[in-house]
Amino acid sequence: MNKKGISAIIATVLIIMITIAAAAIIGGVIIPWVKNNLCEKKICYDITNSEYITIGEDFTCYSPSNTSIMIKRGAKNIKIDKIIVALTDKNGESKKYEIIDGETFAGVWMYTTGSSTLAIPETGGSKRYGFDLGNAIEAKIGVVSGDSDCEVTCSGPEEKISIC
């Protein structure tokens, strides 16, 4: 008699191999993708919805030669690697600046001390920065936050700037 088919042992081995392959795909692709997306959403939600970082109306103004911005940090302790400030002048031209703790960036200084070595505000604190772009009428800030597992860039508040 000539039977054509697969034995129960071969079928069991095939099912086990398919299960292992599916687990590898889920563990290697789907779980990291979901983790990164959830991490980004959580950090950005915390930053944008809890007044975590804001532009202070006091001491935020422009002159023909420069712009002063007060950045305030809320009480929630979230790691900040960098603050990105985008200024737009009366002509519609924009310029982007980066504030990184302990570093310098061309065209930015600590307004109260005049130091070019920048500092990010402490939790619950604020800092005033000077920028070399004069007549800036609008400011938008963003935050780069995270660690090696989850680094995200979140858009923060946007404010109109008045003349000093």
Protein backbone atom coordinates (compact mmCIF):
# COMPACT_ATOMS: atom_id res chain seq x y z
CA MET A 1 0.00 0.00 0.00
CA ASN A 2 1.37 3.47 -0.97
CA LYS A 3 0.25 6.16 1.49
CA LYS A 4 1.05 9.80 0.76
CA GLY A 5 0.93 12.25 3.67
CA ILE A 6 2.92 13.48 6.62
CA SER A 7 3.37 11.73 9.87
CA ALA A 8 2.22 13.13 13.21
CA ILE A 9 5.83 13.74 14.27
CA ILE A 10 6.64 15.84 11.19
CA ALA A 11 3.39 17.83 11.60
CA THR A 12 4.22 18.53 15.26
CA VAL A 13 7.76 19.70 14.35
CA LEU A 14 6.36 22.01 11.65
CA ILE A 15 3.85 23.55 14.10
CA ILE A 16 6.60 24.14 16.67
CA MET A 17 8.84 25.80 14.02
CA ILE A 18 6.01 28.08 12.86
CA THR A 19 5.30 29.06 16.48
CA ILE A 20 8.96 29.88 17.13
CA ALA A 21 9.15 31.97 13.93
CA ALA A 22 5.99 33.90 14.91
CA ALA A 23 7.37 34.57 18.41
CA ALA A 24 10.65 35.85 16.91
CA ILE A 25 8.78 38.25 14.62
CA ILE A 26 6.61 39.54 17.47
CA GLY A 27 9.57 39.88 19.85
CA GLY A 28 11.94 41.42 17.33
CA VAL A 29 9.68 43.80 15.41
CA ILE A 30 6.27 44.44 16.90
CA ILE A 31 7.16 44.86 20.60
CA PRO A 32 9.95 47.47 20.02
CA TRP A 33 7.73 49.38 17.57
CA VAL A 34 4.84 49.56 20.06
CA LYS A 35 7.20 50.46 22.94
CA ASN A 36 8.77 53.37 21.01
CA ASN A 37 5.41 54.73 19.89
CA LEU A 38 3.95 54.57 23.39
CA CYS A 39 7.08 56.17 24.87
CA GLU A 40 6.94 59.10 22.42
CA LYS A 41 3.23 59.69 22.98
CA LYS A 42 3.60 59.62 26.78
CA ILE A 43 6.56 62.00 26.94
CA CYS A 44 5.05 64.43 24.42
CA TYR A 45 1.70 64.32 26.21
CA ASP A 46 3.40 65.07 29.53
CA ILE A 47 5.35 67.96 28.00
CA THR A 48 2.53 69.61 26.06
CA ASN A 49 -0.45 69.00 28.35
CA SER A 50 0.90 69.72 31.79
CA GLU A 51 2.43 73.16 31.23
CA TYR A 52 5.73 71.38 31.60
CA ILE A 53 7.61 73.95 29.54
CA THR A 54 6.23 77.37 28.69
CA ILE A 55 7.29 80.74 27.35
CA GLY A 56 6.92 83.29 30.12
CA GLU A 57 5.22 86.51 29.08
CA ASP A 58 7.30 88.45 31.58
CA PHE A 59 10.74 89.31 30.18
CA THR A 60 9.84 88.01 26.71
CA CYS A 61 10.14 90.82 24.18
CA TYR A 62 12.05 92.02 21.12
CA SER A 63 14.04 95.04 20.06
CA PRO A 64 15.51 95.90 16.65
CA SER A 65 18.82 94.23 17.60
CA ASN A 66 17.85 91.15 19.68
CA THR A 67 15.09 89.14 21.33
CA SER A 68 14.69 88.07 24.96
CA ILE A 69 12.74 84.93 25.88
CA MET A 70 11.88 83.60 29.34
CA ILE A 71 11.46 79.81 29.34
CA LYS A 72 9.72 78.32 32.37
CA ARG A 73 9.83 74.66 33.37
CA GLY A 74 7.00 73.01 35.29
CA ALA A 75 7.20 70.94 38.45
CA LYS A 76 7.03 67.57 36.66
CA ASN A 77 10.51 66.08 36.45
CA ILE A 78 11.09 64.96 32.86
CA LYS A 79 14.60 64.69 31.44
CA ILE A 80 15.39 67.44 28.90
CA ASP A 81 18.35 66.94 26.60
CA LYS A 82 17.79 70.02 24.49
CA ILE A 83 15.38 72.93 23.98
CA ILE A 84 14.85 74.09 20.41
CA VAL A 85 13.72 77.70 19.92
CA ALA A 86 12.41 78.91 16.55
CA LEU A 87 11.98 82.65 16.16
CA THR A 88 10.15 84.40 13.32
CA ASP A 89 10.79 88.07 12.58
CA LYS A 90 8.51 90.76 11.10
CA ASN A 91 9.60 89.79 7.57
CA GLY A 92 8.53 86.18 8.06
CA GLU A 93 12.09 84.86 8.22
CA SER A 94 12.76 82.15 10.81
CA LYS A 95 15.88 81.15 12.68
CA LYS A 96 16.36 78.06 14.86
CA TYR A 97 18.47 77.90 18.02
CA GLU A 98 19.40 75.01 20.32
CA ILE A 99 19.84 75.22 24.08
CA ILE A 100 21.90 72.37 25.51
CA ASP A 101 23.01 72.38 29.14
CA GLY A 102 26.65 73.43 29.50
CA GLU A 103 27.19 74.11 25.78
CA THR A 104 27.27 77.18 23.54
CA PHE A 105 25.24 77.93 20.42
CA ALA A 106 25.95 80.83 18.07
CA GLY A 107 23.57 83.72 18.62
CA VAL A 108 22.25 82.63 22.05
CA TRP A 109 23.34 83.75 25.52
CA MET A 110 22.07 83.72 29.09
CA TYR A 111 20.38 87.11 29.20
CA THR A 112 20.88 87.88 32.89
CA THR A 113 24.59 86.98 33.02
CA GLY A 114 25.67 87.53 29.41
CA SER A 115 27.31 84.09 29.44
CA SER A 116 27.41 82.13 26.19
CA THR A 117 27.45 78.85 28.17
CA LEU A 118 23.80 77.85 28.22
CA ALA A 119 21.77 76.22 30.98
CA ILE A 120 18.40 74.48 30.79
CA PRO A 121 15.96 75.61 33.52
CA GLU A 122 15.80 73.36 36.56
CA THR A 123 12.52 71.62 37.43
CA GLY A 124 10.14 74.34 38.64
CA GLY A 125 12.52 77.11 37.55
CA SER A 126 12.97 79.53 34.67
CA LYS A 127 15.78 81.04 32.61
CA ARG A 128 15.98 84.08 30.38
CA TYR A 129 17.82 83.83 27.08
CA GLY A 130 18.99 86.42 24.58
CA PHE A 131 18.91 85.76 20.83
CA ASP A 132 20.67 87.67 18.06
CA LEU A 133 17.54 87.91 15.88
CA GLY A 134 15.94 91.33 16.27
CA ASN A 135 12.29 92.16 15.67
CA ALA A 136 11.17 88.57 16.39
CA ILE A 137 7.40 88.62 16.73
CA GLU A 138 6.80 84.91 17.30
CA ALA A 139 8.56 82.16 19.24
CA LYS A 140 7.99 78.43 19.21
CA ILE A 141 9.82 75.98 21.45
CA GLY A 142 10.33 72.25 21.26
CA VAL A 143 11.98 69.76 23.57
CA VAL A 144 14.23 66.78 22.90
CA SER A 145 13.79 64.35 25.75
CA GLY A 146 14.48 60.74 26.57
CA ASP A 147 17.13 58.14 27.06
CA SER A 148 18.81 55.47 24.94
CA ASP A 149 15.57 53.48 24.70
CA CYS A 150 13.30 56.36 23.81
CA GLU A 151 14.45 59.75 22.54
CA VAL A 152 11.73 62.03 21.20
CA THR A 153 11.29 65.57 19.93
CA CYS A 154 8.06 67.23 21.02
CA SER A 155 6.58 70.52 19.91
CA GLY A 156 5.91 72.92 22.73
CA PRO A 157 4.07 76.22 22.99
CA GLU A 158 4.03 79.05 20.47
CA GLU A 159 3.78 82.66 21.63
CA LYS A 160 3.52 86.10 20.09
CA ILE A 161 6.29 88.45 21.24
CA SER A 162 5.78 92.13 22.02
CA ILE A 163 8.24 94.99 21.71
CA CYS A 164 10.41 95.78 24.75
